[in-house]
Amino acid sequence: MTFTFVFDTSAIEEYEEAIIWYGAHSVSAMNNFIKSVNSKIDDICIAPTLYRNRYRKYREATLSRFPYSIVYLIDEKAKIVSITSIYHHKRNPKRKYKK
């Protein structure tokens, strides 16, 4: 059974910022970024435990073509993946795992 996903407010903001940044530089890069994120979220929802447990209960899936990771938590009982961050690799790592 596949999981459903929800975005935390901060993750939505990070995602929108990245889309705006890529869109300002190249529409095709923006579209490829969106496709990459959606594809990785689909993979996470199919097998959420496939990706490494990086810190406490937070897991992290890295995008292949972009310097971003999707940081998430799993609720096994409710079958929900909570995406807490769309994290750019150049940002302060202390802010990666936040509630």
N, C-alpha and C. Protein backbone atom coordinates (compact mmCIF):
# COMPACT_ATOMS: atom_id res chain seq x y z
N MET A 1 0.84 -1.19 0.00
CA MET A 1 0.00 0.00 0.00
C MET A 1 0.88 1.25 0.00
N THR A 2 0.59 2.15 -0.88
CA THR A 2 1.38 3.38 -0.95
C THR A 2 0.92 4.37 0.12
N PHE A 3 1.82 5.22 0.49
CA PHE A 3 1.56 6.25 1.49
C PHE A 3 1.08 7.51 0.78
N THR A 4 0.37 8.35 1.51
CA THR A 4 0.04 9.68 1.02
C THR A 4 1.06 10.64 1.62
N PHE A 5 1.13 11.83 1.08
CA PHE A 5 2.11 12.78 1.61
C PHE A 5 1.45 14.12 1.90
N VAL A 6 2.07 14.83 2.84
CA VAL A 6 1.66 16.19 3.18
C VAL A 6 2.93 17.03 3.30
N PHE A 7 2.81 18.30 2.96
CA PHE A 7 3.91 19.24 3.10
C PHE A 7 3.72 20.06 4.36
N ASP A 8 4.79 20.26 5.13
CA ASP A 8 4.78 21.26 6.18
C ASP A 8 4.82 22.63 5.51
N THR A 9 4.37 23.65 6.19
CA THR A 9 4.34 25.00 5.64
C THR A 9 5.73 25.45 5.21
N SER A 10 6.73 25.18 6.03
CA SER A 10 8.09 25.61 5.68
C SER A 10 8.61 24.88 4.45
N ALA A 11 8.23 23.63 4.27
CA ALA A 11 8.65 22.87 3.08
C ALA A 11 8.02 23.46 1.82
N ILE A 12 6.77 23.87 1.92
CA ILE A 12 6.11 24.49 0.77
C ILE A 12 6.82 25.78 0.39
N GLU A 13 7.19 26.57 1.40
CA GLU A 13 7.89 27.83 1.14
C GLU A 13 9.25 27.58 0.47
N GLU A 14 9.99 26.59 0.96
CA GLU A 14 11.28 26.26 0.36
C GLU A 14 11.11 25.78 -1.08
N TYR A 15 10.10 24.98 -1.32
CA TYR A 15 9.81 24.46 -2.66
C TYR A 15 9.46 25.60 -3.61
N GLU A 16 8.59 26.50 -3.16
CA GLU A 16 8.20 27.64 -4.00
C GLU A 16 9.38 28.55 -4.30
N GLU A 17 10.25 28.79 -3.30
CA GLU A 17 11.44 29.61 -3.51
C GLU A 17 12.35 29.00 -4.59
N ALA A 18 12.52 27.69 -4.53
CA ALA A 18 13.36 27.01 -5.51
C ALA A 18 12.74 27.09 -6.91
N ILE A 19 11.44 26.91 -7.00
CA ILE A 19 10.76 27.01 -8.29
C ILE A 19 10.92 28.41 -8.88
N ILE A 20 10.75 29.42 -8.05
CA ILE A 20 10.91 30.81 -8.51
C ILE A 20 12.34 31.05 -8.98
N TRP A 21 13.32 30.55 -8.22
CA TRP A 21 14.72 30.76 -8.58
C TRP A 21 15.03 30.10 -9.92
N TYR A 22 14.64 28.83 -10.07
CA TYR A 22 14.90 28.15 -11.34
C TYR A 22 14.12 28.79 -12.48
N GLY A 23 12.89 29.23 -12.21
CA GLY A 23 12.08 29.87 -13.24
C GLY A 23 12.69 31.18 -13.73
N ALA A 24 13.37 31.89 -12.85
CA ALA A 24 14.01 33.14 -13.24
C ALA A 24 15.23 32.90 -14.13
N HIS A 25 15.80 31.72 -14.04
CA HIS A 25 16.99 31.40 -14.82
C HIS A 25 16.67 30.61 -16.10
N SER A 26 15.70 29.70 -15.99
CA SER A 26 15.37 28.88 -17.15
C SER A 26 14.04 28.17 -16.90
N VAL A 27 13.12 28.31 -17.82
CA VAL A 27 11.83 27.64 -17.69
C VAL A 27 12.00 26.13 -17.76
N SER A 28 12.89 25.66 -18.62
CA SER A 28 13.09 24.21 -18.71
C SER A 28 13.74 23.66 -17.43
N ALA A 29 14.64 24.42 -16.82
CA ALA A 29 15.23 23.99 -15.55
C ALA A 29 14.16 23.93 -14.46
N MET A 30 13.28 24.91 -14.45
CA MET A 30 12.19 24.92 -13.48
C MET A 30 11.29 23.70 -13.67
N ASN A 31 10.93 23.41 -14.91
CA ASN A 31 10.08 22.25 -15.18
C ASN A 31 10.77 20.95 -14.80
N ASN A 32 12.06 20.86 -15.10
CA ASN A 32 12.81 19.65 -14.73
C ASN A 32 12.93 19.50 -13.22
N PHE A 33 13.08 20.61 -12.51
CA PHE A 33 13.13 20.57 -11.05
C PHE A 33 11.81 20.06 -10.49
N ILE A 34 10.72 20.59 -10.98
CA ILE A 34 9.39 20.16 -10.52
C ILE A 34 9.18 18.68 -10.78
N LYS A 35 9.55 18.23 -11.98
CA LYS A 35 9.42 16.80 -12.32
C LYS A 35 10.29 15.94 -11.41
N SER A 36 11.50 16.41 -11.12
CA SER A 36 12.41 15.66 -10.26
C SER A 36 11.86 15.52 -8.85
N VAL A 37 11.34 16.62 -8.31
CA VAL A 37 10.75 16.58 -6.96
C VAL A 37 9.53 15.66 -6.94
N ASN A 38 8.65 15.80 -7.91
CA ASN A 38 7.45 14.95 -7.96
C ASN A 38 7.79 13.48 -8.09
N SER A 39 8.78 13.17 -8.92
CA SER A 39 9.21 11.79 -9.10
C SER A 39 9.77 11.21 -7.80
N LYS A 40 10.59 12.01 -7.11
CA LYS A 40 11.18 11.52 -5.86
C LYS A 40 10.11 11.35 -4.78
N ILE A 41 9.12 12.25 -4.75
CA ILE A 41 8.02 12.10 -3.79
C ILE A 41 7.24 10.83 -4.09
N ASP A 42 7.00 10.54 -5.36
CA ASP A 42 6.32 9.29 -5.74
C ASP A 42 7.12 8.08 -5.25
N ASP A 43 8.44 8.12 -5.44
CA ASP A 43 9.29 7.02 -4.97
C ASP A 43 9.21 6.87 -3.46
N ILE A 44 9.23 7.98 -2.75
CA ILE A 44 9.15 7.96 -1.29
C ILE A 44 7.83 7.35 -0.85
N CYS A 45 6.74 7.73 -1.48
CA CYS A 45 5.42 7.23 -1.09
C CYS A 45 5.26 5.74 -1.36
N ILE A 46 5.96 5.23 -2.35
CA ILE A 46 5.90 3.79 -2.64
C ILE A 46 6.70 3.00 -1.61
N ALA A 47 7.88 3.49 -1.25
CA ALA A 47 8.76 2.77 -0.30
C ALA A 47 9.45 3.79 0.62
N PRO A 48 8.74 4.31 1.61
CA PRO A 48 9.31 5.37 2.44
C PRO A 48 10.51 4.94 3.29
N THR A 49 10.62 3.68 3.61
CA THR A 49 11.75 3.23 4.42
C THR A 49 12.99 2.91 3.59
N LEU A 50 12.90 3.08 2.29
CA LEU A 50 14.03 2.82 1.40
C LEU A 50 15.18 3.79 1.63
N TYR A 51 14.84 5.02 2.00
CA TYR A 51 15.86 6.06 2.16
C TYR A 51 16.37 6.11 3.59
N ARG A 52 17.60 6.57 3.72
CA ARG A 52 18.31 6.53 5.00
C ARG A 52 17.66 7.37 6.09
N ASN A 53 17.72 6.82 7.29
CA ASN A 53 17.34 7.53 8.48
C ASN A 53 18.55 8.36 8.88
N ARG A 54 18.48 9.67 8.67
CA ARG A 54 19.66 10.52 8.85
C ARG A 54 19.80 11.11 10.24
N TYR A 55 18.69 11.45 10.88
CA TYR A 55 18.74 12.10 12.18
C TYR A 55 17.45 11.80 12.91
N ARG A 56 17.58 11.15 14.05
CA ARG A 56 16.40 10.72 14.81
C ARG A 56 15.42 10.00 13.89
N LYS A 57 14.24 10.51 13.71
CA LYS A 57 13.26 9.84 12.84
C LYS A 57 13.17 10.46 11.45
N TYR A 58 14.01 11.43 11.17
CA TYR A 58 14.00 12.10 9.87
C TYR A 58 14.73 11.24 8.83
N ARG A 59 14.12 11.15 7.67
CA ARG A 59 14.74 10.46 6.53
C ARG A 59 15.01 11.48 5.44
N GLU A 60 15.91 11.11 4.54
CA GLU A 60 16.33 12.08 3.53
C GLU A 60 16.54 11.38 2.19
N ALA A 61 15.92 11.93 1.16
CA ALA A 61 16.08 11.43 -0.20
C ALA A 61 16.66 12.55 -1.06
N THR A 62 17.80 12.28 -1.68
CA THR A 62 18.50 13.29 -2.46
C THR A 62 18.04 13.24 -3.92
N LEU A 63 17.82 14.42 -4.49
CA LEU A 63 17.49 14.51 -5.92
C LEU A 63 18.74 14.23 -6.73
N SER A 64 18.58 13.59 -7.87
CA SER A 64 19.76 13.19 -8.65
C SER A 64 20.37 14.33 -9.46
N ARG A 65 19.57 15.25 -9.98
CA ARG A 65 20.10 16.29 -10.87
C ARG A 65 20.17 17.67 -10.24
N PHE A 66 19.68 17.81 -9.03
CA PHE A 66 19.63 19.11 -8.39
C PHE A 66 20.21 19.00 -6.99
N PRO A 67 20.77 20.10 -6.46
CA PRO A 67 21.41 20.04 -5.13
C PRO A 67 20.39 20.18 -3.99
N TYR A 68 19.41 19.32 -3.99
CA TYR A 68 18.34 19.35 -2.98
C TYR A 68 18.10 17.97 -2.42
N SER A 69 17.61 17.95 -1.19
CA SER A 69 17.14 16.72 -0.56
C SER A 69 15.73 16.95 -0.06
N ILE A 70 14.96 15.89 -0.05
CA ILE A 70 13.63 15.92 0.53
C ILE A 70 13.74 15.26 1.90
N VAL A 71 13.46 16.03 2.94
CA VAL A 71 13.55 15.54 4.31
C VAL A 71 12.12 15.25 4.77
N TYR A 72 11.91 14.07 5.37
CA TYR A 72 10.55 13.67 5.70
C TYR A 72 10.50 12.77 6.93
N LEU A 73 9.31 12.66 7.47
CA LEU A 73 8.99 11.76 8.58
C LEU A 73 7.91 10.80 8.11
N ILE A 74 7.89 9.61 8.71
CA ILE A 74 6.90 8.61 8.33
C ILE A 74 5.96 8.37 9.51
N ASP A 75 4.66 8.35 9.23
CA ASP A 75 3.65 7.92 10.20
C ASP A 75 3.11 6.59 9.69
N GLU A 76 3.65 5.51 10.25
CA GLU A 76 3.30 4.16 9.78
C GLU A 76 1.81 3.84 9.96
N LYS A 77 1.23 4.24 11.09
CA LYS A 77 -0.17 3.91 11.37
C LYS A 77 -1.11 4.60 10.41
N ALA A 78 -0.88 5.88 10.16
CA ALA A 78 -1.75 6.65 9.27
C ALA A 78 -1.35 6.53 7.81
N LYS A 79 -0.20 5.91 7.53
CA LYS A 79 0.31 5.76 6.17
C LYS A 79 0.50 7.13 5.49
N ILE A 80 1.17 8.02 6.26
CA ILE A 80 1.41 9.38 5.76
C ILE A 80 2.90 9.69 5.84
N VAL A 81 3.41 10.30 4.78
CA VAL A 81 4.76 10.84 4.75
C VAL A 81 4.64 12.35 4.91
N SER A 82 5.27 12.90 5.95
CA SER A 82 5.25 14.35 6.19
C SER A 82 6.56 14.95 5.70
N ILE A 83 6.49 15.72 4.65
CA ILE A 83 7.68 16.36 4.09
C ILE A 83 7.95 17.62 4.89
N THR A 84 9.09 17.64 5.57
CA THR A 84 9.41 18.75 6.46
C THR A 84 10.31 19.79 5.81
N SER A 85 11.02 19.39 4.75
CA SER A 85 11.93 20.34 4.11
C SER A 85 12.27 19.90 2.69
N ILE A 86 12.37 20.90 1.81
CA ILE A 86 12.99 20.72 0.50
C ILE A 86 14.29 21.49 0.65
N TYR A 87 15.33 20.78 1.03
CA TYR A 87 16.55 21.37 1.57
C TYR A 87 17.64 21.53 0.51
N HIS A 88 18.11 22.76 0.31
CA HIS A 88 19.23 23.02 -0.59
C HIS A 88 20.52 22.68 0.14
N HIS A 89 21.43 22.00 -0.51
CA HIS A 89 22.64 21.49 0.12
C HIS A 89 23.61 22.57 0.59
N LYS A 90 23.47 23.79 0.12
CA LYS A 90 24.35 24.89 0.54
C LYS A 90 23.83 25.63 1.77
N ARG A 91 22.66 25.28 2.24
CA ARG A 91 22.09 25.97 3.39
C ARG A 91 22.69 25.45 4.69
N ASN A 92 22.44 26.16 5.75
CA ASN A 92 22.94 25.80 7.08
C ASN A 92 22.38 24.43 7.48
N PRO A 93 23.24 23.45 7.71
CA PRO A 93 22.74 22.10 8.05
C PRO A 93 22.01 22.02 9.38
N LYS A 94 22.21 22.99 10.25
CA LYS A 94 21.51 22.98 11.54
C LYS A 94 20.01 23.19 11.37
N ARG A 95 19.60 23.76 10.24
CA ARG A 95 18.19 24.03 10.01
C ARG A 95 17.51 22.92 9.19
N LYS A 96 18.26 21.91 8.83
CA LYS A 96 17.71 20.84 7.99
C LYS A 96 16.61 20.05 8.69
N TYR A 97 16.84 19.68 9.93
CA TYR A 97 15.90 18.83 10.66
C TYR A 97 15.15 19.68 11.68
N LYS A 98 14.07 20.25 11.24
CA LYS A 98 13.26 21.09 12.12
C LYS A 98 11.84 20.57 12.16
N LYS A 99 11.11 20.95 13.17
CA LYS A 99 9.72 20.51 13.29
C LYS A 99 8.79 21.52 12.71
